[in-house]
Protein backbone atom coordinates (compact mmCIF):
# COMPACT_ATOMS: atom_id res chain seq x y z
CA UNK A 1 4.04 -83.56 54.28
CA UNK A 2 6.75 -85.41 56.13
CA UNK A 3 8.84 -88.03 54.44
CA UNK A 4 6.92 -91.30 54.47
CA UNK A 5 8.07 -93.69 57.19
CA UNK A 6 7.26 -97.19 58.33
CA UNK A 7 8.65 -97.98 61.74
CA UNK A 8 8.31 -99.96 64.94
CA UNK A 9 8.51 -97.73 67.99
CA UNK A 10 9.93 -99.67 70.88
CA UNK A 11 12.61 -99.20 73.51
CA UNK A 12 14.74 -101.72 71.67
CA UNK A 13 14.38 -102.25 67.93
CA UNK A 14 16.17 -104.98 65.96
CA UNK A 15 18.51 -103.64 63.31
CA UNK A 16 18.81 -105.36 59.95
CA UNK A 17 21.71 -107.52 61.08
CA UNK A 18 19.83 -108.70 64.17
CA UNK A 19 21.61 -106.51 66.71
CA UNK A 20 19.56 -104.64 69.29
CA UNK A 21 19.57 -100.88 68.66
CA UNK A 22 18.48 -98.60 71.51
CA UNK A 23 16.52 -95.39 71.55
CA UNK A 24 19.17 -92.71 72.02
CA UNK A 25 19.40 -88.98 72.82
CA UNK A 26 19.72 -86.56 69.88
CA UNK A 27 22.25 -83.98 71.17
CA UNK A 28 22.41 -82.03 67.91
CA UNK A 29 18.75 -81.08 68.25
CA UNK A 30 19.04 -80.27 71.93
CA UNK A 31 21.92 -77.90 71.13
CA UNK A 32 19.71 -75.90 68.75
CA UNK A 33 17.64 -74.67 71.70
CA UNK A 34 20.50 -74.01 74.14
CA UNK A 35 20.43 -70.24 73.68
CA UNK A 36 21.64 -67.35 75.83
CA UNK A 37 19.72 -64.41 74.29
CA UNK A 38 16.18 -63.91 73.00
CA UNK A 39 14.14 -67.08 73.41
CA UNK A 40 15.96 -69.10 76.08
CA UNK A 41 13.48 -71.79 77.12
CA UNK A 42 9.96 -73.09 76.70
CA UNK A 43 7.71 -76.14 76.64
CA UNK A 44 5.09 -77.70 74.35
CA UNK A 45 7.54 -77.89 71.39
CA UNK A 46 5.13 -79.02 68.69
CA UNK A 47 5.95 -78.70 64.98
CA UNK A 48 3.97 -78.09 61.81
CA UNK A 49 5.42 -78.32 58.32
CA UNK A 50 4.63 -75.18 56.31
CA UNK A 51 4.61 -76.92 52.94
CA UNK A 52 7.44 -74.84 51.47
CA UNK A 53 10.47 -76.51 53.00
CA UNK A 54 10.09 -74.76 56.36
CA UNK A 55 8.74 -75.88 59.72
CA UNK A 56 7.26 -73.86 62.58
CA UNK A 57 7.84 -74.76 66.24
CA UNK A 58 5.03 -73.95 68.67
CA UNK A 59 6.11 -73.24 72.24
CA UNK A 60 4.05 -72.67 75.38
CA UNK A 61 5.25 -70.54 78.31
CA UNK A 62 8.66 -69.27 77.20
CA UNK A 63 11.56 -67.33 78.64
CA UNK A 64 12.68 -64.29 76.65
CA UNK A 65 15.80 -62.46 77.75
CA UNK A 66 19.44 -63.03 78.70
CA UNK A 67 21.01 -66.07 80.35
CA UNK A 68 24.04 -65.29 82.49
CA UNK A 69 26.11 -67.83 84.43
CA UNK A 70 23.51 -70.48 83.60
CA UNK A 71 20.58 -68.49 85.05
CA UNK A 72 17.71 -66.50 83.57
CA UNK A 73 19.09 -63.05 84.34
CA UNK A 74 17.58 -59.62 85.04
CA UNK A 75 15.53 -58.44 82.10
CA UNK A 76 14.12 -61.91 81.37
CA UNK A 77 10.36 -62.36 81.23
CA UNK A 78 8.04 -65.26 80.55
CA UNK A 79 5.50 -65.04 77.72
CA UNK A 80 2.62 -67.49 77.26
CA UNK A 81 3.59 -68.65 73.79
CA UNK A 82 6.26 -68.20 71.14
CA UNK A 83 7.26 -69.72 67.81
CA UNK A 84 10.40 -70.52 65.83
CA UNK A 85 10.82 -71.15 62.10
CA UNK A 86 13.63 -72.73 60.09
CA UNK A 87 14.18 -74.66 56.90
CA UNK A 88 13.95 -78.46 57.04
CA UNK A 89 17.41 -79.97 56.68
CA UNK A 90 18.35 -82.84 54.40
CA UNK A 91 17.97 -86.28 56.02
CA UNK A 92 16.91 -84.86 59.37
CA UNK A 93 19.90 -82.57 59.90
CA UNK A 94 19.41 -80.08 62.74
CA UNK A 95 19.67 -76.41 61.77
CA UNK A 96 22.46 -74.18 62.97
CA UNK A 97 21.54 -71.62 65.62
CA UNK A 98 21.87 -68.83 63.07
CA UNK A 99 19.32 -70.56 60.83
CA UNK A 100 16.38 -70.55 63.27
CA UNK A 101 14.18 -67.48 63.81
CA UNK A 102 12.37 -67.14 67.15
CA UNK A 103 9.33 -64.87 67.34
CA UNK A 104 7.08 -63.55 70.10
CA UNK A 105 4.78 -60.53 70.42
CA UNK A 106 5.56 -56.83 70.33
CA UNK A 107 6.98 -55.20 73.44
CA UNK A 108 4.43 -53.74 75.85
CA UNK A 109 4.40 -50.18 77.17
CA UNK A 110 7.19 -51.10 79.61
CA UNK A 111 9.35 -52.52 76.85
CA UNK A 112 8.82 -56.14 77.91
CA UNK A 113 8.25 -59.01 75.49
CA UNK A 114 4.70 -60.33 75.06
CA UNK A 115 3.14 -63.53 73.73
CA UNK A 116 3.13 -64.31 70.01
CA UNK A 117 -0.67 -64.43 70.19
CA UNK A 118 -2.73 -63.09 73.11
CA UNK A 119 -6.52 -63.21 73.55
CA UNK A 120 -8.23 -60.25 71.87
CA UNK A 121 -11.28 -58.41 73.15
CA UNK A 122 -13.70 -60.88 71.55
CA UNK A 123 -11.89 -63.81 73.19
CA UNK A 124 -12.05 -62.17 76.62
CA UNK A 125 -15.81 -61.77 76.41
CA UNK A 126 -17.28 -60.75 79.77
CA UNK A 127 -13.84 -60.66 81.39
CA UNK A 128 -14.65 -63.32 84.00
CA UNK A 129 -11.72 -65.50 82.92
CA UNK A 130 -8.91 -64.51 85.28
CA UNK A 131 -5.61 -63.94 83.51
CA UNK A 132 -6.86 -65.51 80.25
CA UNK A 133 -4.03 -66.64 77.99
CA UNK A 134 -3.28 -69.10 75.20
CA UNK A 135 -1.12 -72.20 75.29
CA UNK A 136 -0.53 -74.04 71.99
CA UNK A 137 -1.92 -77.56 71.92
CA UNK A 138 1.05 -78.43 69.72
CA UNK A 139 -1.29 -79.18 66.82
CA UNK A 140 -1.50 -77.22 63.59
CA UNK A 141 -1.64 -77.61 59.85
CA UNK A 142 -1.33 -75.69 56.61
CA UNK A 143 -4.29 -75.79 54.22
CA UNK A 144 -3.80 -74.95 50.56
CA UNK A 145 -6.56 -72.94 48.89
CA UNK A 146 -7.89 -73.36 45.38
CA UNK A 147 -5.85 -70.32 44.36
CA UNK A 148 -2.61 -71.95 45.52
CA UNK A 149 -2.38 -69.82 48.64
CA UNK A 150 -1.64 -71.35 52.03
CA UNK A 151 -3.26 -70.69 55.40
CA UNK A 152 -1.68 -71.80 58.69
CA UNK A 153 -3.93 -72.89 61.55
CA UNK A 154 -2.42 -73.15 65.04
CA UNK A 155 -4.73 -74.65 67.66
CA UNK A 156 -4.69 -73.13 71.14
CA UNK A 157 -5.91 -73.97 74.62
CA UNK A 158 -7.75 -71.20 76.43
CA UNK A 159 -6.22 -71.11 79.94
CA UNK A 160 -7.28 -69.13 83.01
CA UNK A 161 -6.39 -68.98 86.70
CA UNK A 162 -8.64 -71.06 88.93
CA UNK A 163 -8.70 -68.39 91.64
CA UNK A 164 -6.55 -65.68 93.20
CA UNK A 165 -4.09 -68.10 94.78
CA UNK A 166 -0.50 -68.53 93.64
CA UNK A 167 0.97 -71.88 92.73
CA UNK A 168 2.27 -73.99 89.86
CA UNK A 169 -1.07 -75.80 89.41
CA UNK A 170 -3.46 -72.86 89.77
CA UNK A 171 -4.78 -72.98 86.20
CA UNK A 172 -7.50 -74.71 84.18
CA UNK A 173 -8.54 -75.07 80.58
CA UNK A 174 -11.58 -73.09 79.51
CA UNK A 175 -12.09 -73.97 75.87
CA UNK A 176 -10.30 -73.87 72.54
CA UNK A 177 -9.22 -71.28 70.00
CA UNK A 178 -7.31 -71.16 66.74
CA UNK A 179 -4.73 -68.70 65.43
CA UNK A 180 -4.83 -68.07 61.69
CA UNK A 181 -1.96 -66.86 59.52
CA UNK A 182 -2.98 -65.83 56.00
CA UNK A 183 0.46 -64.70 54.77
CA UNK A 184 2.38 -67.80 55.83
CA UNK A 185 4.58 -67.63 52.73
CA UNK A 186 6.35 -64.60 54.19
CA UNK A 187 9.05 -64.54 56.88
CA UNK A 188 7.69 -65.41 60.33
CA UNK A 189 8.38 -61.93 61.69
CA UNK A 190 6.00 -60.56 59.03
CA UNK A 191 3.10 -62.89 59.78
CA UNK A 192 -0.27 -61.32 60.45
CA UNK A 193 -1.95 -63.41 63.13
CA UNK A 194 -5.72 -63.54 63.47
CA UNK A 195 -7.68 -65.59 65.99
CA UNK A 196 -11.06 -67.17 66.55
CA UNK A 197 -12.59 -68.70 69.67
CA UNK A 198 -13.85 -72.22 68.94
CA UNK A 199 -15.34 -73.17 72.32
CA UNK A 200 -15.71 -71.39 75.64
CA UNK A 201 -16.21 -72.93 79.10
CA UNK A 202 -17.79 -70.37 81.38
CA UNK A 203 -16.15 -69.51 84.68
CA UNK A 204 -17.81 -71.36 87.53
CA UNK A 205 -18.99 -74.23 85.33
CA UNK A 206 -19.70 -77.36 87.33
CA UNK A 207 -18.05 -80.75 87.12
CA UNK A 208 -20.77 -81.96 84.73
CA UNK A 209 -19.46 -79.73 81.91
CA UNK A 210 -17.17 -81.61 79.52
CA UNK A 211 -13.70 -80.09 79.34
CA UNK A 212 -12.49 -80.65 75.80
CA UNK A 213 -9.38 -79.19 74.18
CA UNK A 214 -9.61 -79.35 70.37
CA UNK A 215 -6.67 -79.39 67.97
CA UNK A 216 -4.12 -81.52 69.83
CA UNK A 217 -3.43 -82.98 66.38
CA UNK A 218 -4.81 -82.26 62.92
CA UNK A 219 -4.31 -83.56 59.39
CA UNK A 220 -5.98 -83.62 56.00
CA UNK A 221 -8.47 -86.47 56.12
CA UNK A 222 -7.28 -89.68 54.48
CA UNK A 223 -9.53 -91.01 51.69
CA UNK A 224 -11.39 -87.72 51.27
CA UNK A 225 -12.48 -87.71 47.62
CA UNK A 226 -12.05 -83.98 47.08
CA UNK A 227 -9.15 -83.56 49.51
CA UNK A 228 -10.84 -80.70 51.29
CA UNK A 229 -11.66 -82.05 54.76
CA UNK A 230 -9.55 -81.72 57.89
CA UNK A 231 -9.51 -84.31 60.68
CA UNK A 232 -9.10 -82.65 64.08
CA UNK A 233 -8.40 -84.54 67.32
CA UNK A 234 -9.43 -83.37 70.76
CA UNK A 235 -8.88 -84.53 74.34
CA UNK A 236 -11.70 -84.79 76.87
CA UNK A 237 -10.13 -84.06 80.29
CA UNK A 238 -13.35 -84.21 82.30
CA UNK A 239 -12.02 -87.28 84.08
CA UNK A 240 -8.50 -86.18 84.94
CA UNK A 241 -7.44 -89.76 85.67
CA UNK A 242 -8.60 -91.08 82.29
CA UNK A 243 -8.42 -88.52 79.50
CA UNK A 244 -10.03 -89.57 76.24
CA UNK A 245 -9.24 -88.95 72.58
CA UNK A 246 -12.03 -87.53 70.40
CA UNK A 247 -12.28 -86.73 66.69
CA UNK A 248 -14.00 -84.08 64.58
CA UNK A 249 -13.91 -83.03 60.95
CA UNK A 250 -14.22 -79.67 59.22
CA UNK A 251 -14.16 -78.32 55.70
CA UNK A 252 -10.67 -77.07 54.90
CA UNK A 253 -11.91 -73.58 54.09
CA UNK A 254 -13.93 -73.33 57.32
CA UNK A 255 -11.72 -74.72 60.09
CA UNK A 256 -12.32 -71.63 62.24
CA UNK A 257 -16.13 -71.99 61.97
CA UNK A 258 -16.83 -74.36 64.86
CA UNK A 259 -20.58 -74.46 64.21
CA UNK A 260 -19.83 -76.29 60.95
CA UNK A 261 -17.70 -79.02 62.53
CA UNK A 262 -18.94 -82.60 62.73
CA UNK A 263 -18.09 -84.96 65.60
CA UNK A 264 -17.48 -88.70 65.58
CA UNK A 265 -20.14 -90.34 67.77
CA UNK A 266 -18.92 -93.93 67.42
CA UNK A 267 -20.99 -94.70 64.32
CA UNK A 268 -21.03 -91.56 62.23
CA UNK A 269 -20.60 -87.80 62.18
CA UNK A 270 -22.91 -85.75 64.42
CA UNK A 271 -23.60 -82.02 64.35
CA UNK A 272 -23.37 -81.86 68.16
CA UNK A 273 -20.15 -81.74 70.17
CA UNK A 274 -22.10 -83.40 72.99
CA UNK A 275 -22.17 -86.59 70.92
CA UNK A 276 -18.37 -86.82 70.52
CA UNK A 277 -17.34 -90.32 71.58
CA UNK A 278 -13.96 -91.60 72.77
CA UNK A 279 -11.81 -93.36 70.20
CA UNK A 280 -9.01 -94.03 72.73
CA UNK A 281 -8.60 -93.64 76.47
CA UNK A 282 -5.72 -93.04 78.90
CA UNK A 283 -4.17 -90.29 76.75
CA UNK A 284 -2.70 -86.90 77.66
CA UNK A 285 -3.58 -83.30 76.81
CA UNK A 286 -0.57 -83.11 74.50
CA UNK A 287 0.19 -85.78 71.90
CA UNK A 288 0.98 -86.26 68.23
CA UNK A 289 -0.68 -88.44 65.60
CA UNK A 290 0.88 -89.02 62.20
CA UNK A 291 0.03 -91.26 59.27
CA UNK A 292 3.12 -93.19 58.23
CA UNK A 293 3.99 -96.06 55.92
CA UNK A 294 4.00 -97.06 52.29
CA UNK A 295 1.15 -98.12 50.05
CA UNK A 296 -0.83 -100.99 51.54
CA UNK A 297 1.03 -100.87 54.87
CA UNK A 298 0.15 -97.42 56.23
CA UNK A 299 -0.29 -97.05 59.98
CA UNK A 300 -1.10 -94.21 62.32
CA UNK A 301 1.18 -93.62 65.28
CA UNK A 302 0.37 -91.71 68.47
CA UNK A 303 3.14 -90.46 70.78
CA UNK A 304 2.66 -88.93 74.24
CA UNK A 305 4.00 -88.85 77.78
CA UNK A 306 2.54 -91.54 79.99
CA UNK A 307 -0.07 -90.29 82.50
CA UNK A 308 0.19 -88.90 85.11
CA UNK A 309 3.59 -87.19 85.32
CA UNK A 310 5.14 -90.57 84.64
CA UNK A 311 8.69 -90.51 83.27
CA UNK A 312 7.95 -92.78 80.28
CA UNK A 313 7.12 -91.94 76.67
CA UNK A 314 4.56 -94.24 75.06
CA UNK A 315 3.47 -95.15 71.53
CA UNK A 316 0.17 -96.47 70.17
CA UNK A 317 -0.66 -97.53 66.63
CA UNK A 318 -3.77 -98.02 64.51
CA UNK A 319 -4.64 -99.07 60.98
CA UNK A 320 -7.01 -96.11 60.54
CA UNK A 321 -7.18 -92.57 61.85
CA UNK A 322 -10.19 -93.51 63.99
CA UNK A 323 -8.61 -96.61 65.51
CA UNK A 324 -8.94 -99.02 67.11
CA UNK A 325 -5.70 -98.06 68.86
CA UNK A 326 -3.33 -100.51 70.46
CA UNK A 327 -2.60 -100.27 74.17
CA UNK A 328 0.19 -97.82 75.16
CA UNK A 329 3.69 -99.26 74.87
CA UNK A 330 6.59 -97.74 76.81
CA UNK A 331 9.41 -96.83 74.42
CA UNK A 332 11.66 -94.61 76.54
CA UNK A 333 12.23 -93.62 80.15
CA UNK A 334 13.22 -89.97 80.61
CA UNK A 335 16.19 -89.82 83.01
CA UNK A 336 15.69 -86.32 84.47
CA UNK A 337 13.05 -87.10 87.14
CA UNK A 338 15.29 -89.84 88.49
CA UNK A 339 18.08 -87.34 89.09
CA UNK A 340 16.01 -84.77 91.03
CA UNK A 341 12.58 -85.34 92.58
CA UNK A 342 11.57 -81.76 91.70
CA UNK A 343 11.88 -82.43 87.97
CA UNK A 344 9.08 -83.72 85.76
CA UNK A 345 9.13 -84.89 82.13
CA UNK A 346 6.06 -84.33 79.95
CA UNK A 347 4.67 -83.23 76.57
CA UNK A 348 6.32 -85.89 74.36
CA UNK A 349 5.76 -85.35 70.64
CA UNK A 350 7.01 -86.86 67.38
CA UNK A 351 8.52 -84.86 64.52
CA UNK A 352 8.63 -87.11 61.43
CA UNK A 353 9.29 -84.19 59.09
CA UNK A 354 12.58 -83.58 60.95
CA UNK A 355 13.67 -87.20 61.36
CA UNK A 356 16.72 -88.94 59.97
CA UNK A 357 16.18 -91.92 57.67
CA UNK A 358 15.49 -95.01 59.74
CA UNK A 359 14.68 -93.08 62.92
CA UNK A 360 11.90 -91.01 64.44
CA UNK A 361 12.76 -87.74 66.21
CA UNK A 362 10.79 -87.29 69.46
CA UNK A 363 10.91 -84.35 71.84
CA UNK A 364 9.87 -84.04 75.45
CA UNK A 365 9.92 -81.20 77.96
CA UNK A 366 11.31 -80.91 81.48
CA UNK A 367 10.18 -78.55 84.23
CA UNK A 368 10.51 -78.20 87.99
CA UNK A 369 7.82 -78.04 90.67
CA UNK A 370 9.97 -75.25 92.16
CA UNK A 371 9.80 -72.16 89.93
CA UNK A 372 12.95 -70.65 91.40
CA UNK A 373 14.82 -73.90 90.75
CA UNK A 374 13.86 -73.63 87.09
CA UNK A 375 14.62 -69.90 86.89
CA UNK A 376 18.02 -70.43 88.47
CA UNK A 377 19.04 -73.20 86.07
CA UNK A 378 18.36 -72.29 82.45
CA UNK A 379 19.19 -75.81 81.27
CA UNK A 380 16.03 -77.25 82.84
CA UNK A 381 13.24 -75.65 80.84
CA UNK A 382 14.31 -76.59 77.33
CA UNK A 383 13.19 -79.44 75.06
CA UNK A 384 15.08 -82.73 75.05
CA UNK A 385 15.27 -85.01 72.03
CA UNK A 386 15.58 -88.69 71.36
CA UNK A 387 15.69 -90.79 68.21
CA UNK A 388 13.76 -94.07 68.02
CA UNK A 389 14.83 -96.68 65.46
CA UNK A 390 12.09 -98.14 63.25
CA UNK A 391 11.57 -101.05 60.93
CA UNK A 392 7.83 -101.77 60.94
CA UNK A 393 4.85 -100.13 62.55
CA UNK A 394 3.24 -102.97 64.42
CA UNK A 395 2.84 -103.85 68.06
CA UNK A 396 4.09 -107.24 69.36
CA UNK A 397 0.78 -108.82 68.29
CA UNK A 398 1.42 -107.75 64.71
CA UNK A 399 -1.29 -105.07 64.56
């Protein structure tokens, strides 16, 4: 569990002596991911504490291969997901490059890198999902068993091509899955990764079918008497202009058994996913939710990139995990889109377990609408980091 924090996320926070203190870049963290061999770029950039002093980073589409003269050079390939593991530093210190271990899948028959986890035969089903692959939602958690063992769950979006056309936007979500690591205590390169499909949206489904991605955030449920229930957030993207936050719960020992999940319907917990009701609107497919604060003053904070392809990062707070949530508040404007109209900033996430005292570490990703622009400039497709000062976790109205 991350160090307990209580903070006010805002573009300008008042320091103890009354001076205004701005949200600032965190260059030490950006430098960690400025690599020239192996993993050399990726997005998503979610984190999950492993409960043993280590943290795992979850990346989406990632470059693997050499960088030469600032470009992704011959021999580089893109894989659909990758991870990195390192020990958590004291007081939010970034690790050295030699201290972080990047992992992806085994080389294919041509010797090229593959994804850390790829859909298996059961996930592919009837094979109608064109180019089916997994992107991490960014959400995950470690559950401790009664025997003291730990199991890592990494939630995944099932992604397929819309059709045979090429293009940056020719993809769609088609359900949810979860990767399961039973031997998480071992080094990341030794992990045995299983998988289970949670939901499946059939190819050719009409607009009336709800498009929900589960596992954008997950945590042990607060106030659970036996400490054995997991709260799992999902995003309903059916209305692309107003995506909605949903909530479900599962027994800790049965997270991968979707039929046993229960869904918040606005008044209680239903057995049917169809009853899942929005607990917040105007969110994004990728976000983080963390419980922060001391006894009697705990708050929940949500961080995400403002819709749609806006260059701002926003924060929302709530007194309980189910809300009600405050309206989004802009806390930072990403500068990259303003420097080049091809660039976009997205996928903002908080990392309290990696934050310095008094500040919250937040990452965001940058990409280009021109693939060859991104491939020709290796500095583009890497996570950026900022640190937001904090004092209290309340919006201007005091909530």
